[in-house]
C-alpha atoms as a PDB file:
ATOM      1  CA  MET A   1      52.136 -27.921 -13.030  1.00  0.00           C
ATOM      2  CA  TRP A   2      52.379 -26.827 -16.482  1.00  0.00           C
ATOM      3  CA  VAL A   3      48.976 -25.732 -16.581  1.00  0.00           C
ATOM      4  CA  GLY A   4      49.512 -23.452 -13.380  1.00  0.00           C
ATOM      5  CA  LEU A   5      52.800 -22.168 -14.776  1.00  0.00           C
ATOM      6  CA  ALA A   6      50.957 -21.321 -18.077  1.00  0.00           C
ATOM      7  CA  ALA A   7      48.202 -19.425 -16.118  1.00  0.00           C
ATOM      8  CA  VAL A   8      50.891 -17.402 -14.124  1.00  0.00           C
ATOM      9  CA  ALA A   9      52.677 -16.604 -17.472  1.00  0.00           C
ATOM     10  CA  ALA A  10      49.320 -15.607 -19.031  1.00  0.00           C
ATOM     11  CA  LEU A  11      48.477 -13.308 -16.268  1.00  0.00           C
ATOM     12  CA  GLN A  12      51.706 -11.332 -16.928  1.00  0.00           C
ATOM     13  CA  PHE A  13      50.329 -10.154 -20.282  1.00  0.00           C
ATOM     14  CA  TYR A  14      48.592  -6.756 -20.178  1.00  0.00           C
ATOM     15  CA  TYR A  15      45.649  -7.992 -22.466  1.00  0.00           C
ATOM     16  CA  VAL A  16      44.587 -10.811 -20.108  1.00  0.00           C
ATOM     17  CA  GLN A  17      44.714  -8.582 -17.117  1.00  0.00           C
ATOM     18  CA  GLU A  18      42.379  -6.027 -18.852  1.00  0.00           C
ATOM     19  CA  MET A  19      39.953  -8.917 -19.733  1.00  0.00           C
ATOM     20  CA  ILE A  20      39.924 -10.116 -16.149  1.00  0.00           C
ATOM     21  CA  ALA A  21      39.322  -6.485 -14.822  1.00  0.00           C
ATOM     22  CA  ALA A  22      36.579  -6.104 -17.504  1.00  0.00           C
ATOM     23  CA  PHE A  23      34.959  -9.527 -16.429  1.00  0.00           C
ATOM     24  CA  VAL A  24      34.980  -8.342 -12.631  1.00  0.00           C
ATOM     25  CA  VAL A  25      33.343  -4.865 -13.593  1.00  0.00           C
ATOM     26  CA  LEU A  26      30.589  -6.656 -15.602  1.00  0.00           C
ATOM     27  CA  ALA A  27      30.034  -9.389 -12.874  1.00  0.00           C
ATOM     28  CA  VAL A  28      29.561  -6.598 -10.267  1.00  0.00           C
ATOM     29  CA  LEU A  29      27.269  -4.810 -12.693  1.00  0.00           C
ATOM     30  CA  PHE A  30      25.309  -7.870 -13.224  1.00  0.00           C
ATOM     31  CA  ALA A  31      24.867  -8.533  -9.618  1.00  0.00           C
ATOM     32  CA  VAL A  32      23.842  -4.994  -8.834  1.00  0.00           C
ATOM     33  CA  ILE A  33      21.162  -5.017 -11.621  1.00  0.00           C
ATOM     34  CA  ALA A  34      19.978  -8.599 -10.489  1.00  0.00           C
ATOM     35  CA  GLY A  35      19.626  -7.458  -7.020  1.00  0.00           C
ATOM     36  CA  ALA A  36      17.612  -4.497  -8.201  1.00  0.00           C
ATOM     37  CA  GLY A  37      15.471  -6.566 -10.125  1.00  0.00           C
ATOM     38  CA  LEU A  38      14.985  -8.989  -7.090  1.00  0.00           C
ATOM     39  CA  LEU A  39      14.165  -6.051  -4.979  1.00  0.00           C
ATOM     40  CA  VAL A  40      11.436  -4.894  -7.211  1.00  0.00           C
ATOM     41  CA  PHE A  41       9.968  -8.346  -7.445  1.00  0.00           C
ATOM     42  CA  LEU A  42       9.924  -8.716  -3.713  1.00  0.00           C
ATOM     43  CA  VAL A  43       8.331  -5.396  -3.225  1.00  0.00           C
ATOM     44  CA  ASP A  44       5.744  -6.289  -5.756  1.00  0.00           C
ATOM     45  CA  ARG A  45       4.794  -9.721  -4.038  1.00  0.00           C
ATOM     46  CA  ALA A  46       4.825  -8.079  -0.625  1.00  0.00           C
ATOM     47  CA  SER A  47       2.611  -5.054  -1.773  1.00  0.00           C
ATOM     48  CA  ASP A  48       0.164  -7.561  -3.546  1.00  0.00           C
ATOM     49  CA  ARG A  49      -0.274  -9.595  -0.350  1.00  0.00           C
ATOM     50  CA  THR A  50      -0.531  -6.336   1.766  1.00  0.00           C
ATOM     51  CA  LEU A  51      -3.140  -4.715  -0.522  1.00  0.00           C
ATOM     52  CA  GLY A  52      -5.218  -7.874  -0.393  1.00  0.00           C
ATOM     53  CA  TRP A  53      -5.107  -7.893   3.418  1.00  0.00           C
ATOM     54  CA  ILE A  54      -5.945  -4.026   3.695  1.00  0.00           C
ATOM     55  CA  GLU A  55      -8.817  -4.690   1.032  1.00  0.00           C
ATOM     56  CA  THR A  56     -10.497  -7.265   3.322  1.00  0.00           C
ATOM     57  CA  SER A  57      -9.820  -4.978   6.573  1.00  0.00           C
ATOM     58  CA  ALA A  58     -10.984  -1.811   4.854  1.00  0.00           C
ATOM     59  CA  LEU A  59     -14.334  -3.453   3.822  1.00  0.00           C
ATOM     60  CA  ALA A  60     -14.847  -4.677   7.392  1.00  0.00           C
ATOM     61  CA  LEU A  61     -13.917  -1.247   8.725  1.00  0.00           C
ATOM     62  CA  LEU A  62     -16.210   0.496   6.346  1.00  0.00           C
ATOM     63  CA  ARG A  63     -19.211  -1.820   7.062  1.00  0.00           C
ATOM     64  CA  THR A  64     -18.568  -1.197  10.795  1.00  0.00           C
ATOM     65  CA  ALA A  65     -18.348   2.599  10.426  1.00  0.00           C
ATOM     66  CA  ARG A  66     -21.725   2.428   8.241  1.00  0.00           C
ATOM     67  CA  ARG A  67     -23.483   0.480  10.877  1.00  0.00           C
ATOM     68  CA  GLY A  68     -22.285   2.857  13.582  1.00  0.00           C
ATOM     69  CA  LEU A  69     -23.390   6.004  11.440  1.00  0.00           C
ATOM     70  CA  SER A  70     -26.635   4.434  10.862  1.00  0.00           C
ATOM     71  CA  VAL A  71     -27.226   3.709  14.674  1.00  0.00           C
ATOM     72  CA  ALA A  72     -26.173   7.288  15.578  1.00  0.00           C
ATOM     73  CA  SER A  73     -28.479   8.750  13.092  1.00  0.00           C
ATOM     74  CA  GLU A  74     -31.368   6.681  14.400  1.00  0.00           C
ATOM     75  CA  LEU A  75     -30.445   7.665  17.776  1.00  0.00           C
ATOM     76  CA  THR A  76     -30.409  11.460  16.875  1.00  0.00           C
ATOM     77  CA  ALA A  77     -33.566  11.281  15.156  1.00  0.00           C
ATOM     78  CA  LYS A  78     -35.298   9.559  17.944  1.00  0.00           C
ATOM     79  CA  ARG A  79     -33.937  12.104  20.582  1.00  0.00           C
ATOM     80  CA  ALA A  80     -35.033  14.967  18.259  1.00  0.00           C
ATOM     81  CA  ALA A  81     -38.428  13.304  17.975  1.00  0.00           C
ATOM     82  CA  ALA A  82     -38.719  12.969  21.761  1.00  0.00           C
ATOM     83  CA  ARG A  83     -38.075  16.765  22.116  1.00  0.00           C
ATOM     84  CA  GLY A  84     -40.735  17.484  19.619  1.00  0.00           C
ATOM     85  CA  ALA A  85     -38.675  18.478  16.427  1.00  0.00           C
ATOM     86  CA  GLN A  86     -39.188  16.984  13.155  1.00  0.00           C
ATOM     87  CA  VAL A  87     -36.117  15.529  11.566  1.00  0.00           C
ATOM     88  CA  SER A  88     -35.709  14.324   8.149  1.00  0.00           C
ATOM     89  CA  LEU A  89     -34.026  10.950   7.989  1.00  0.00           C
ATOM     90  CA  PHE A  90     -32.788  11.370   4.425  1.00  0.00           C
ATOM     91  CA  ASN A  91     -30.807  14.505   4.629  1.00  0.00           C
ATOM     92  CA  ARG A  92     -30.625  14.712   8.471  1.00  0.00           C
ATOM     93  CA  THR A  93     -31.598  18.301   8.424  1.00  0.00           C
ATOM     94  CA  ARG A  94     -34.238  19.734  10.828  1.00  0.00           C
ATOM     95  CA  LEU A  95     -37.645  20.610   9.190  1.00  0.00           C
ATOM     96  CA  ARG A  96     -39.655  23.567  10.385  1.00  0.00           C
ATOM     97  CA  HIS A  97     -41.544  23.321  13.681  1.00  0.00           C
ATOM     98  CA  PRO A  98     -44.898  22.132  13.261  1.00  0.00           C
ATOM     99  CA  ARG A  99     -46.584  24.785  15.427  1.00  0.00           C
ATOM    100  CA  LEU A 100     -44.395  27.889  14.876  1.00  0.00           C
ATOM    101  CA  GLY A 101     -43.437  27.274  11.280  1.00  0.00           C
ATOM    102  CA  THR A 102     -39.786  28.120  12.074  1.00  0.00           C
ATOM    103  CA  ALA A 103     -36.696  26.094  12.785  1.00  0.00           C
ATOM    104  CA  ARG A 104     -36.028  25.472  16.306  1.00  0.00           C
END
């Protein structure tokens, strides 16, 4: 009981009130900075996992696209050869017509 009475009496002093107010302000400031640090940490962890997942998915997508482009270029070359045109398989440009000497 005497401790409680001493605490109430101490709260009446202006200096004690100022120290408690400063403590509250610093506690809120610390909480905001800690929250921002936690947010940066969580974003870093999430982006690390996301980038790992994107990397594996992108590699698979690039392999599929490369395979599709290869198939499409082979089909184009076969179709052009069936029509009688000569097509370079390296740069995919038409060569000159063998009989006329010009491009079709």
